[in-house]
C-alpha atoms as a PDB file:
ATOM      1  CA  MET A   1      -6.008  16.781  -3.225  1.00  0.00           C
ATOM      2  CA  GLU A   2      -5.962  17.950  -6.840  1.00  0.00           C
ATOM      3  CA  LEU A   3      -4.965  15.477  -9.556  1.00  0.00           C
ATOM      4  CA  ILE A   4      -2.758  17.093 -12.198  1.00  0.00           C
ATOM      5  CA  THR A   5      -2.711  15.821 -15.787  1.00  0.00           C
ATOM      6  CA  LYS A   6      -1.347  17.154 -19.075  1.00  0.00           C
ATOM      7  CA  SER A   7      -4.637  18.936 -19.698  1.00  0.00           C
ATOM      8  CA  SER A   8      -4.593  20.758 -16.335  1.00  0.00           C
ATOM      9  CA  PRO A   9      -4.054  24.545 -16.451  1.00  0.00           C
ATOM     10  CA  ALA A  10      -0.463  25.727 -16.120  1.00  0.00           C
ATOM     11  CA  PRO A  11       0.459  26.578 -12.512  1.00  0.00           C
ATOM     12  CA  GLU A  12       0.779  30.201 -11.423  1.00  0.00           C
ATOM     13  CA  ARG A  13       4.366  29.483 -10.417  1.00  0.00           C
ATOM     14  CA  GLY A  14       6.768  26.568 -10.692  1.00  0.00           C
ATOM     15  CA  ARG A  15       6.306  23.254  -8.936  1.00  0.00           C
ATOM     16  CA  ILE A  16       8.642  21.263  -6.734  1.00  0.00           C
ATOM     17  CA  ALA A  17       7.884  17.558  -6.796  1.00  0.00           C
ATOM     18  CA  ALA A  18       9.108  14.143  -5.709  1.00  0.00           C
ATOM     19  CA  VAL A  19       8.552  11.146  -7.959  1.00  0.00           C
ATOM     20  CA  GLY A  20       7.786   7.564  -7.025  1.00  0.00           C
ATOM     21  CA  MET A  21       5.235   4.775  -6.995  1.00  0.00           C
ATOM     22  CA  TRP A  22       4.406   5.571  -3.352  1.00  0.00           C
ATOM     23  CA  ASP A  23       3.119   2.035  -2.765  1.00  0.00           C
ATOM     24  CA  GLY A  24       1.958   1.899   0.839  1.00  0.00           C
ATOM     25  CA  VAL A  25       2.613   5.610   1.484  1.00  0.00           C
ATOM     26  CA  HIS A  26       4.769   4.465   4.419  1.00  0.00           C
ATOM     27  CA  LEU A  27       6.680   6.540   6.974  1.00  0.00           C
ATOM     28  CA  GLY A  28       9.628   7.011   4.631  1.00  0.00           C
ATOM     29  CA  HIS A  29       7.290   8.322   1.937  1.00  0.00           C
ATOM     30  CA  ARG A  30       5.672  10.741   4.370  1.00  0.00           C
ATOM     31  CA  PHE A  31       9.066  12.007   5.445  1.00  0.00           C
ATOM     32  CA  LEU A  32       9.788  12.781   1.782  1.00  0.00           C
ATOM     33  CA  ILE A  33       6.402  14.487   1.351  1.00  0.00           C
ATOM     34  CA  ASP A  34       7.117  16.691   4.367  1.00  0.00           C
ATOM     35  CA  TYR A  35      10.568  17.493   2.980  1.00  0.00           C
ATOM     36  CA  VAL A  36       9.023  18.644  -0.313  1.00  0.00           C
ATOM     37  CA  ARG A  37       6.577  20.822   1.602  1.00  0.00           C
ATOM     38  CA  VAL A  38       9.373  22.493   3.586  1.00  0.00           C
ATOM     39  CA  GLU A  39      11.481  23.066   0.465  1.00  0.00           C
ATOM     40  CA  SER A  40       8.475  24.517  -1.374  1.00  0.00           C
ATOM     41  CA  LYS A  41       8.147  27.282   1.200  1.00  0.00           C
ATOM     42  CA  TYR A  42      11.856  28.035   1.088  1.00  0.00           C
ATOM     43  CA  ARG A  43      11.878  28.163  -2.736  1.00  0.00           C
ATOM     44  CA  ASP A  44       8.405  29.716  -3.208  1.00  0.00           C
ATOM     45  CA  LEU A  45       7.225  26.799  -5.345  1.00  0.00           C
ATOM     46  CA  ILE A  46       4.047  24.705  -5.401  1.00  0.00           C
ATOM     47  CA  PRO A  47       4.592  21.320  -3.661  1.00  0.00           C
ATOM     48  CA  ALA A  48       3.497  18.178  -5.507  1.00  0.00           C
ATOM     49  CA  VAL A  49       4.138  14.464  -5.796  1.00  0.00           C
ATOM     50  CA  ILE A  50       4.449  12.522  -9.036  1.00  0.00           C
ATOM     51  CA  THR A  51       3.098   9.003  -9.336  1.00  0.00           C
ATOM     52  CA  PHE A  52       2.135   6.543 -12.047  1.00  0.00           C
ATOM     53  CA  THR A  53      -1.147   5.009 -13.139  1.00  0.00           C
ATOM     54  CA  CYS A  54       0.489   1.563 -13.008  1.00  0.00           C
ATOM     55  CA  HIS A  55       3.580   0.081 -11.403  1.00  0.00           C
ATOM     56  CA  PRO A  56       6.602   0.552 -13.724  1.00  0.00           C
ATOM     57  CA  LEU A  57       7.552  -3.116 -13.372  1.00  0.00           C
ATOM     58  CA  SER A  58       4.203  -4.123 -14.889  1.00  0.00           C
ATOM     59  CA  VAL A  59       5.542  -2.600 -18.130  1.00  0.00           C
ATOM     60  CA  VAL A  60       9.308  -3.106 -17.825  1.00  0.00           C
ATOM     61  CA  ARG A  61       9.458  -6.623 -16.332  1.00  0.00           C
ATOM     62  CA  PRO A  62       5.933  -7.990 -15.806  1.00  0.00           C
ATOM     63  CA  HIS A  63       7.286 -11.297 -14.460  1.00  0.00           C
ATOM     64  CA  ASP A  64       8.949  -9.361 -11.606  1.00  0.00           C
ATOM     65  CA  MET A  65       5.830  -7.359 -10.735  1.00  0.00           C
ATOM     66  CA  PRO A  66       5.325  -7.539  -6.947  1.00  0.00           C
ATOM     67  CA  PRO A  67       1.972  -7.696  -5.175  1.00  0.00           C
ATOM     68  CA  LEU A  68       1.019  -4.211  -4.014  1.00  0.00           C
ATOM     69  CA  LEU A  69       0.260  -2.690  -0.630  1.00  0.00           C
ATOM     70  CA  ASN A  70      -2.469  -0.372  -1.954  1.00  0.00           C
ATOM     71  CA  THR A  71      -4.966  -0.295  -4.783  1.00  0.00           C
ATOM     72  CA  PRO A  72      -4.659   2.845  -6.956  1.00  0.00           C
ATOM     73  CA  ASP A  73      -7.593   4.470  -5.151  1.00  0.00           C
ATOM     74  CA  GLU A  74      -6.164   3.586  -1.733  1.00  0.00           C
ATOM     75  CA  ARG A  75      -2.795   5.031  -2.721  1.00  0.00           C
ATOM     76  CA  LEU A  76      -4.368   8.337  -3.718  1.00  0.00           C
ATOM     77  CA  ASP A  77      -6.391   8.377  -0.502  1.00  0.00           C
ATOM     78  CA  ARG A  78      -3.233   7.787   1.563  1.00  0.00           C
ATOM     79  CA  LEU A  79      -1.402  10.567  -0.290  1.00  0.00           C
ATOM     80  CA  ASP A  80      -4.331  12.869   0.413  1.00  0.00           C
ATOM     81  CA  ARG A  81      -4.242  11.955   4.115  1.00  0.00           C
ATOM     82  CA  ALA A  82      -0.498  12.636   4.129  1.00  0.00           C
ATOM     83  CA  GLY A  83      -1.239  16.238   3.210  1.00  0.00           C
ATOM     84  CA  VAL A  84      -0.442  16.127  -0.505  1.00  0.00           C
ATOM     85  CA  GLU A  85      -2.271  18.979  -2.237  1.00  0.00           C
ATOM     86  CA  HIS A  86      -1.213  18.335  -5.841  1.00  0.00           C
ATOM     87  CA  CYS A  87      -0.613  14.899  -7.369  1.00  0.00           C
ATOM     88  CA  ILE A  88       0.764  14.606 -10.907  1.00  0.00           C
ATOM     89  CA  MET A  89      -0.480  11.409 -12.553  1.00  0.00           C
ATOM     90  CA  LEU A  90       1.763   9.970 -15.265  1.00  0.00           C
ATOM     91  CA  ASP A  91       0.986   7.079 -17.580  1.00  0.00           C
ATOM     92  CA  PHE A  92       3.865   4.619 -17.440  1.00  0.00           C
ATOM     93  CA  ASP A  93       3.870   3.163 -20.929  1.00  0.00           C
ATOM     94  CA  ASP A  94       6.400   1.990 -23.487  1.00  0.00           C
ATOM     95  CA  LYS A  95       7.277   5.589 -24.345  1.00  0.00           C
ATOM     96  CA  THR A  96       7.926   6.449 -20.701  1.00  0.00           C
ATOM     97  CA  ARG A  97      10.084   3.373 -20.092  1.00  0.00           C
ATOM     98  CA  HIS A  98      12.454   4.375 -22.892  1.00  0.00           C
ATOM     99  CA  MET A  99      12.919   7.976 -21.727  1.00  0.00           C
ATOM    100  CA  THR A 100      16.386   9.030 -20.650  1.00  0.00           C
ATOM    101  CA  ALA A 101      16.737  11.057 -17.470  1.00  0.00           C
ATOM    102  CA  ALA A 102      17.039  14.235 -19.555  1.00  0.00           C
ATOM    103  CA  GLU A 103      13.907  13.437 -21.565  1.00  0.00           C
ATOM    104  CA  PHE A 104      11.957  12.674 -18.402  1.00  0.00           C
ATOM    105  CA  LEU A 105      13.014  15.950 -16.779  1.00  0.00           C
ATOM    106  CA  ARG A 106      12.112  17.929 -19.907  1.00  0.00           C
ATOM    107  CA  ALA A 107       8.646  16.352 -19.927  1.00  0.00           C
ATOM    108  CA  LEU A 108       8.103  17.259 -16.274  1.00  0.00           C
ATOM    109  CA  LYS A 109       9.130  20.854 -16.904  1.00  0.00           C
ATOM    110  CA  HIS A 110       7.246  21.338 -20.171  1.00  0.00           C
ATOM    111  CA  ASP A 111       4.040  19.424 -19.403  1.00  0.00           C
ATOM    112  CA  TYR A 112       3.653  19.967 -15.653  1.00  0.00           C
ATOM    113  CA  GLY A 113       5.638  23.069 -14.744  1.00  0.00           C
ATOM    114  CA  VAL A 114       8.088  21.211 -12.486  1.00  0.00           C
ATOM    115  CA  ASP A 115      11.095  23.439 -11.818  1.00  0.00           C
ATOM    116  CA  THR A 116      12.655  21.398  -9.010  1.00  0.00           C
ATOM    117  CA  LEU A 117      12.674  17.622  -8.625  1.00  0.00           C
ATOM    118  CA  VAL A 118      13.339  16.088  -5.225  1.00  0.00           C
ATOM    119  CA  VAL A 119      15.021  12.700  -5.497  1.00  0.00           C
ATOM    120  CA  GLY A 120      14.605  10.306  -2.600  1.00  0.00           C
ATOM    121  CA  PHE A 121      17.648   8.710  -0.999  1.00  0.00           C
ATOM    122  CA  ASN A 122      19.143   6.198  -3.480  1.00  0.00           C
ATOM    123  CA  ASN A 123      16.295   6.874  -5.947  1.00  0.00           C
ATOM    124  CA  ARG A 124      17.068   6.624  -9.663  1.00  0.00           C
ATOM    125  CA  PHE A 125      15.067   7.316 -12.821  1.00  0.00           C
ATOM    126  CA  GLY A 126      15.527   7.277 -16.601  1.00  0.00           C
ATOM    127  CA  ARG A 127      16.446   4.540 -19.057  1.00  0.00           C
ATOM    128  CA  ASP A 128      20.120   5.453 -18.763  1.00  0.00           C
ATOM    129  CA  ARG A 129      20.077   4.995 -14.952  1.00  0.00           C
ATOM    130  CA  VAL A 130      22.319   7.987 -14.330  1.00  0.00           C
ATOM    131  CA  ASP A 131      25.018   7.246 -11.779  1.00  0.00           C
ATOM    132  CA  GLY A 132      24.574   9.557  -8.832  1.00  0.00           C
ATOM    133  CA  ILE A 133      22.916  12.793  -7.815  1.00  0.00           C
ATOM    134  CA  ASP A 134      25.672  14.973  -9.283  1.00  0.00           C
ATOM    135  CA  GLN A 135      24.904  13.771 -12.801  1.00  0.00           C
ATOM    136  CA  TYR A 136      21.202  14.403 -12.291  1.00  0.00           C
ATOM    137  CA  ARG A 137      22.012  17.928 -11.160  1.00  0.00           C
ATOM    138  CA  GLN A 138      24.167  18.506 -14.233  1.00  0.00           C
ATOM    139  CA  ILE A 139      21.463  17.271 -16.606  1.00  0.00           C
ATOM    140  CA  ALA A 140      18.818  19.373 -14.846  1.00  0.00           C
ATOM    141  CA  SER A 141      20.909  22.542 -14.961  1.00  0.00           C
ATOM    142  CA  GLU A 142      21.266  22.202 -18.736  1.00  0.00           C
ATOM    143  CA  ILE A 143      17.478  22.417 -19.155  1.00  0.00           C
ATOM    144  CA  GLY A 144      16.818  25.060 -16.529  1.00  0.00           C
ATOM    145  CA  MET A 145      15.794  22.778 -13.676  1.00  0.00           C
ATOM    146  CA  THR A 146      17.087  21.888 -10.233  1.00  0.00           C
ATOM    147  CA  VAL A 147      17.456  18.422  -8.727  1.00  0.00           C
ATOM    148  CA  ILE A 148      17.949  18.025  -4.983  1.00  0.00           C
ATOM    149  CA  GLU A 149      18.401  14.868  -2.943  1.00  0.00           C
ATOM    150  CA  ALA A 150      16.338  14.407   0.190  1.00  0.00           C
ATOM    151  CA  PRO A 151      18.131  13.067   3.269  1.00  0.00           C
ATOM    152  CA  GLU A 152      17.591   9.454   4.252  1.00  0.00           C
ATOM    153  CA  TYR A 153      14.720   8.820   6.655  1.00  0.00           C
ATOM    154  CA  THR A 154      16.231   7.724   9.965  1.00  0.00           C
ATOM    155  CA  GLY A 155      13.137   7.154  12.063  1.00  0.00           C
ATOM    156  CA  GLU A 156      13.715   3.385  12.139  1.00  0.00           C
ATOM    157  CA  ASN A 157      16.698   1.158  12.844  1.00  0.00           C
ATOM    158  CA  ALA A 158      16.674   0.081   9.188  1.00  0.00           C
ATOM    159  CA  PRO A 159      15.666   1.955   6.027  1.00  0.00           C
ATOM    160  CA  ILE A 160      11.967   1.739   5.226  1.00  0.00           C
ATOM    161  CA  SER A 161      10.953   0.593   1.766  1.00  0.00           C
ATOM    162  CA  SER A 162       7.835  -0.833   0.155  1.00  0.00           C
ATOM    163  CA  SER A 163       9.737  -4.023  -0.720  1.00  0.00           C
ATOM    164  CA  ALA A 164      10.844  -4.496   2.899  1.00  0.00           C
ATOM    165  CA  ILE A 165       7.243  -4.096   4.063  1.00  0.00           C
ATOM    166  CA  ARG A 166       6.068  -6.625   1.469  1.00  0.00           C
ATOM    167  CA  LYS A 167       8.632  -9.108   2.792  1.00  0.00           C
ATOM    168  CA  LEU A 168       7.396  -8.645   6.359  1.00  0.00           C
ATOM    169  CA  LEU A 169       3.794  -9.244   5.304  1.00  0.00           C
ATOM    170  CA  SER A 170       4.775 -12.329   3.303  1.00  0.00           C
ATOM    171  CA  GLU A 171       6.279 -13.649   6.549  1.00  0.00           C
ATOM    172  CA  GLY A 172       3.135 -12.849   8.549  1.00  0.00           C
ATOM    173  CA  LYS A 173       4.821 -10.050  10.509  1.00  0.00           C
ATOM    174  CA  VAL A 174       1.849  -7.718  10.179  1.00  0.00           C
ATOM    175  CA  ALA A 175       2.510  -5.733  13.362  1.00  0.00           C
ATOM    176  CA  GLU A 176       6.059  -4.876  12.292  1.00  0.00           C
ATOM    177  CA  ALA A 177       4.881  -4.032   8.775  1.00  0.00           C
ATOM    178  CA  SER A 178       2.188  -1.751  10.187  1.00  0.00           C
ATOM    179  CA  ARG A 179       4.740   0.096  12.306  1.00  0.00           C
ATOM    180  CA  LYS A 180       6.707   0.899   9.159  1.00  0.00           C
ATOM    181  CA  LEU A 181       3.552   1.883   7.296  1.00  0.00           C
ATOM    182  CA  GLY A 182       2.342   4.097  10.125  1.00  0.00           C
ATOM    183  CA  TYR A 183      -1.089   2.426  10.035  1.00  0.00           C
ATOM    184  CA  ASP A 184      -2.535  -1.089  10.174  1.00  0.00           C
ATOM    185  CA  TYR A 185      -2.033  -2.938   6.907  1.00  0.00           C
ATOM    186  CA  THR A 186      -5.430  -3.119   5.248  1.00  0.00           C
ATOM    187  CA  ILE A 187      -7.122  -5.271   2.629  1.00  0.00           C
ATOM    188  CA  ARG A 188     -10.377  -4.107   1.083  1.00  0.00           C
ATOM    189  CA  GLY A 189     -12.638  -6.674  -0.473  1.00  0.00           C
ATOM    190  CA  THR A 190     -16.128  -7.795  -1.358  1.00  0.00           C
ATOM    191  CA  VAL A 191     -17.987 -10.450   0.630  1.00  0.00           C
ATOM    192  CA  VAL A 192     -18.654 -13.500  -1.553  1.00  0.00           C
ATOM    193  CA  ASN A 193     -20.517 -16.734  -0.936  1.00  0.00           C
ATOM    194  CA  GLY A 194     -18.654 -19.455   0.976  1.00  0.00           C
ATOM    195  CA  SER A 195     -19.161 -23.004   2.226  1.00  0.00           C
ATOM    196  CA  HIS A 196     -20.886 -21.915   5.487  1.00  0.00           C
ATOM    197  CA  VAL A 197     -18.907 -24.448   7.565  1.00  0.00           C
ATOM    198  CA  GLY A 198     -18.054 -21.756  10.116  1.00  0.00           C
ATOM    199  CA  ARG A 199     -21.721 -21.100  10.797  1.00  0.00           C
ATOM    200  CA  THR A 200     -22.282 -24.744  11.771  1.00  0.00           C
ATOM    201  CA  ILE A 201     -19.639 -24.541  14.532  1.00  0.00           C
ATOM    202  CA  GLY A 202     -20.581 -21.140  15.927  1.00  0.00           C
ATOM    203  CA  PHE A 203     -18.057 -19.064  13.974  1.00  0.00           C
ATOM    204  CA  PRO A 204     -19.807 -17.609  10.922  1.00  0.00           C
ATOM    205  CA  THR A 205     -17.369 -16.017   8.507  1.00  0.00           C
ATOM    206  CA  ALA A 206     -17.461 -13.594   5.620  1.00  0.00           C
ATOM    207  CA  ASN A 207     -15.390 -14.733   2.650  1.00  0.00           C
ATOM    208  CA  ILE A 208     -13.425 -11.814   1.241  1.00  0.00           C
ATOM    209  CA  HIS A 209     -12.453 -11.329  -2.393  1.00  0.00           C
ATOM    210  CA  PRO A 210      -9.883  -8.487  -2.606  1.00  0.00           C
ATOM    211  CA  LEU A 211     -10.872  -5.535  -4.778  1.00  0.00           C
ATOM    212  CA  SER A 212      -7.618  -5.879  -6.733  1.00  0.00           C
ATOM    213  CA  ASP A 213      -5.892  -9.021  -7.983  1.00  0.00           C
ATOM    214  CA  THR A 214      -2.543  -7.341  -7.250  1.00  0.00           C
ATOM    215  CA  THR A 215      -3.262  -6.954  -3.518  1.00  0.00           C
ATOM    216  CA  LEU A 216      -0.608  -8.466  -1.249  1.00  0.00           C
ATOM    217  CA  ILE A 217      -2.102 -11.168   0.968  1.00  0.00           C
ATOM    218  CA  PRO A 218      -0.189 -11.857   4.215  1.00  0.00           C
ATOM    219  CA  SER A 219       1.136 -15.376   4.730  1.00  0.00           C
ATOM    220  CA  PRO A 220      -1.351 -18.088   5.747  1.00  0.00           C
ATOM    221  CA  GLY A 221      -2.420 -18.008   9.363  1.00  0.00           C
ATOM    222  CA  VAL A 222      -4.910 -16.595  11.831  1.00  0.00           C
ATOM    223  CA  TYR A 223      -4.788 -12.865  12.570  1.00  0.00           C
ATOM    224  CA  ALA A 224      -6.401 -10.448  14.989  1.00  0.00           C
ATOM    225  CA  VAL A 225      -8.049  -7.721  12.926  1.00  0.00           C
ATOM    226  CA  ARG A 226     -10.346  -4.751  13.014  1.00  0.00           C
ATOM    227  CA  VAL A 227     -13.112  -4.771  10.429  1.00  0.00           C
ATOM    228  CA  THR A 228     -14.645  -1.643   8.945  1.00  0.00           C
ATOM    229  CA  LEU A 229     -18.267  -2.400   8.081  1.00  0.00           C
ATOM    230  CA  PRO A 230     -20.244  -0.804   5.225  1.00  0.00           C
ATOM    231  CA  ASP A 231     -21.708   1.776   7.633  1.00  0.00           C
ATOM    232  CA  GLY A 232     -18.202   2.913   8.636  1.00  0.00           C
ATOM    233  CA  THR A 233     -18.191   1.372  12.104  1.00  0.00           C
ATOM    234  CA  GLN A 234     -15.316  -0.865  13.211  1.00  0.00           C
ATOM    235  CA  ARG A 235     -15.593  -4.198  14.978  1.00  0.00           C
ATOM    236  CA  PRO A 236     -12.929  -6.590  16.306  1.00  0.00           C
ATOM    237  CA  GLY A 237     -12.511  -9.871  14.513  1.00  0.00           C
ATOM    238  CA  MET A 238     -10.169 -12.584  13.369  1.00  0.00           C
ATOM    239  CA  VAL A 239      -9.156 -13.644   9.889  1.00  0.00           C
ATOM    240  CA  ASN A 240      -8.023 -16.996   8.605  1.00  0.00           C
ATOM    241  CA  ILE A 241      -5.900 -16.926   5.469  1.00  0.00           C
ATOM    242  CA  GLY A 242      -5.204 -20.296   3.946  1.00  0.00           C
ATOM    243  CA  THR A 243      -6.597 -23.440   2.351  1.00  0.00           C
ATOM    244  CA  ARG A 244      -8.817 -24.589   5.279  1.00  0.00           C
ATOM    245  CA  PRO A 245      -7.105 -28.008   5.571  1.00  0.00           C
ATOM    246  CA  THR A 246      -9.437 -29.231   8.343  1.00  0.00           C
ATOM    247  CA  VAL A 247     -12.543 -29.007   6.154  1.00  0.00           C
ATOM    248  CA  THR A 248     -11.225 -29.416   2.600  1.00  0.00           C
ATOM    249  CA  ASP A 249      -8.392 -30.957   0.606  1.00  0.00           C
ATOM    250  CA  GLY A 250      -8.404 -28.057  -1.847  1.00  0.00           C
ATOM    251  CA  THR A 251      -5.480 -25.752  -2.540  1.00  0.00           C
ATOM    252  CA  ALA A 252      -7.353 -22.510  -3.206  1.00  0.00           C
ATOM    253  CA  LEU A 253      -6.337 -19.681  -0.868  1.00  0.00           C
ATOM    254  CA  THR A 254      -9.256 -18.106   0.992  1.00  0.00           C
ATOM    255  CA  ILE A 255      -9.652 -15.089   3.264  1.00  0.00           C
ATOM    256  CA  GLU A 256     -12.333 -15.653   5.903  1.00  0.00           C
ATOM    257  CA  VAL A 257     -13.159 -13.107   8.591  1.00  0.00           C
ATOM    258  CA  HIS A 258     -15.180 -13.772  11.724  1.00  0.00           C
ATOM    259  CA  ILE A 259     -16.509 -10.549  13.244  1.00  0.00           C
ATOM    260  CA  LEU A 260     -16.945 -10.824  16.994  1.00  0.00           C
ATOM    261  CA  ASP A 261     -20.502 -10.410  18.328  1.00  0.00           C
ATOM    262  CA  PHE A 262     -21.894  -9.550  14.915  1.00  0.00           C
ATOM    263  CA  SER A 263     -24.881 -10.900  13.060  1.00  0.00           C
ATOM    264  CA  GLY A 264     -26.011  -9.430   9.803  1.00  0.00           C
ATOM    265  CA  PHE A 265     -26.185  -9.842   6.045  1.00  0.00           C
ATOM    266  CA  LEU A 266     -22.949  -8.804   4.319  1.00  0.00           C
ATOM    267  CA  TYR A 267     -22.963 -10.542   0.934  1.00  0.00           C
ATOM    268  CA  ASP A 268     -21.813  -8.286  -1.918  1.00  0.00           C
ATOM    269  CA  GLU A 269     -20.825  -5.587   0.590  1.00  0.00           C
ATOM    270  CA  GLU A 270     -17.320  -4.108   0.839  1.00  0.00           C
ATOM    271  CA  LEU A 271     -15.305  -4.588   4.023  1.00  0.00           C
ATOM    272  CA  SER A 272     -11.899  -3.281   5.076  1.00  0.00           C
ATOM    273  CA  ILE A 273      -9.752  -5.707   7.064  1.00  0.00           C
ATOM    274  CA  HIS A 274      -7.121  -4.005   9.234  1.00  0.00           C
ATOM    275  CA  PHE A 275      -4.433  -6.452  10.389  1.00  0.00           C
ATOM    276  CA  VAL A 276      -3.263  -6.050  13.995  1.00  0.00           C
ATOM    277  CA  GLU A 277      -1.330  -9.166  15.024  1.00  0.00           C
ATOM    278  CA  ARG A 278      -0.666 -12.727  13.873  1.00  0.00           C
ATOM    279  CA  LEU A 279      -2.110 -15.228  16.340  1.00  0.00           C
ATOM    280  CA  ARG A 280      -0.862 -18.519  14.884  1.00  0.00           C
ATOM    281  CA  GLY A 281      -0.204 -20.413  11.694  1.00  0.00           C
ATOM    282  CA  GLU A 282      -2.875 -22.343   9.835  1.00  0.00           C
ATOM    283  CA  LYS A 283      -3.214 -25.891  11.111  1.00  0.00           C
ATOM    284  CA  LYS A 284      -5.064 -29.053  10.130  1.00  0.00           C
ATOM    285  CA  PHE A 285      -7.054 -30.261  13.129  1.00  0.00           C
ATOM    286  CA  PRO A 286      -8.147 -33.893  13.596  1.00  0.00           C
ATOM    287  CA  SER A 287     -11.798 -32.913  14.038  1.00  0.00           C
ATOM    288  CA  LEU A 288     -14.235 -29.997  13.870  1.00  0.00           C
ATOM    289  CA  LYS A 289     -14.428 -30.139  17.667  1.00  0.00           C
ATOM    290  CA  LYS A 290     -10.672 -29.483  17.935  1.00  0.00           C
ATOM    291  CA  LEU A 291     -10.974 -26.700  15.350  1.00  0.00           C
ATOM    292  CA  THR A 292     -13.792 -25.113  17.358  1.00  0.00           C
ATOM    293  CA  SER A 293     -11.698 -25.200  20.539  1.00  0.00           C
ATOM    294  CA  ALA A 294      -8.817 -23.496  18.729  1.00  0.00           C
ATOM    295  CA  LEU A 295     -11.143 -20.817  17.346  1.00  0.00           C
ATOM    296  CA  GLU A 296     -12.532 -20.190  20.825  1.00  0.00           C
ATOM    297  CA  ALA A 297      -8.984 -19.671  22.102  1.00  0.00           C
ATOM    298  CA  ASP A 298      -8.247 -17.350  19.165  1.00  0.00           C
ATOM    299  CA  ALA A 299     -11.382 -15.318  19.886  1.00  0.00           C
ATOM    300  CA  ALA A 300     -10.419 -14.999  23.552  1.00  0.00           C
ATOM    301  CA  LYS A 301      -7.034 -13.583  22.538  1.00  0.00           C
ATOM    302  CA  VAL A 302      -8.692 -11.102  20.186  1.00  0.00           C
ATOM    303  CA  ARG A 303     -11.084  -9.958  22.908  1.00  0.00           C
ATOM    304  CA  LYS A 304      -8.209  -9.406  25.303  1.00  0.00           C
ATOM    305  CA  MET A 305      -6.234  -7.552  22.640  1.00  0.00           C
ATOM    306  CA  LEU A 306      -8.926  -5.407  21.010  1.00  0.00           C
ATOM    307  CA  CYS A 307     -11.947  -5.237  23.331  1.00  0.00           C
ATOM    308  CA  LYS A 308     -10.621  -2.943  26.033  1.00  0.00           C
END
C-alpha cells in the first residue's frame, strides 16, 4: 500500500476516494473499500482511501475522544490487508477542523488529485455539516468534482459502526465484536514486570502494557485468547483484565495473560492478544486455593475451545 501525502507526485489520472477514520477497518469499512474499487474501474480512476493522522475528536472535542480499536500502524496494516493500494494521509489540525465542505473538497482535488469522493452511508464532513448528499453533490459540481453516496452495508442485522463495536467490547462481548470486525479483536502490548503471584500457583502470567494509551481495553473479566509470540507463532491462552481483587486491594487495571503449555522469557517483548470469548467476570475468591481451582476450570474451557 502506498501512502500519499502532499509531496507525493501527481497521479497519472484522477483519484476516487472514500474518507473516514477507518478505526477497526470493520466489515462495513471493507464493503466501502470494495465499492470504491468497483467504481474506480467503471470511472477509470485510481482507487484510494483518505484517513487522518489522529482522530478528529482529539482536536475538536478532546473530552469526547473514544478509546480506539487500532493503533495508527495497525489501522494502516488492516487497510493494506483489505486491498487498499493508495492511502491519503491527512493531518487533522485546527485548520482542517474549520474547513467548510467546499474548502475540504477543493483541498482534496488540488493537493491529492481526487476527482470523485465516495461518501459512506450517513457520513458527513465539513465545518458547515452540509445537510444531505444532494448538497454535497451541488458543492462538488461547482468545483469540478463528483460526490457519490455508497449504499448501506446490509451484511448484518444492524448497521456496523466503530462506536457500536466499542460498546460491545466495553460490555465484554468480544465474540460479537469480532464478528463485526471480521477478525478477532486484538491488543498489542509489551510484557512488563509483574508481581509473580501467578507463578506461585502454577499459572505464570505475562503482564501486558498496551502499545498505545488510546487502546480500548475490554471490560474486566477472564477471556479465552490466542497469543502471537515474538517469533510469529500462536498459542492458546487466557487473559485476566481487572484489579486482581483476590491478591491485592489496589485499583489499577492490569492485563495478565497465561499462555497454555508455555515456558520462556518474554519480558520487554511484544505480544498480540487476540480475544476469542469471554469466560467469566472477575471475581474475588476467599483464598488462593479457590482462585487456583477457578483458573484450572478456565484453562480446561480454553483447551476445549482452542486446542482442537
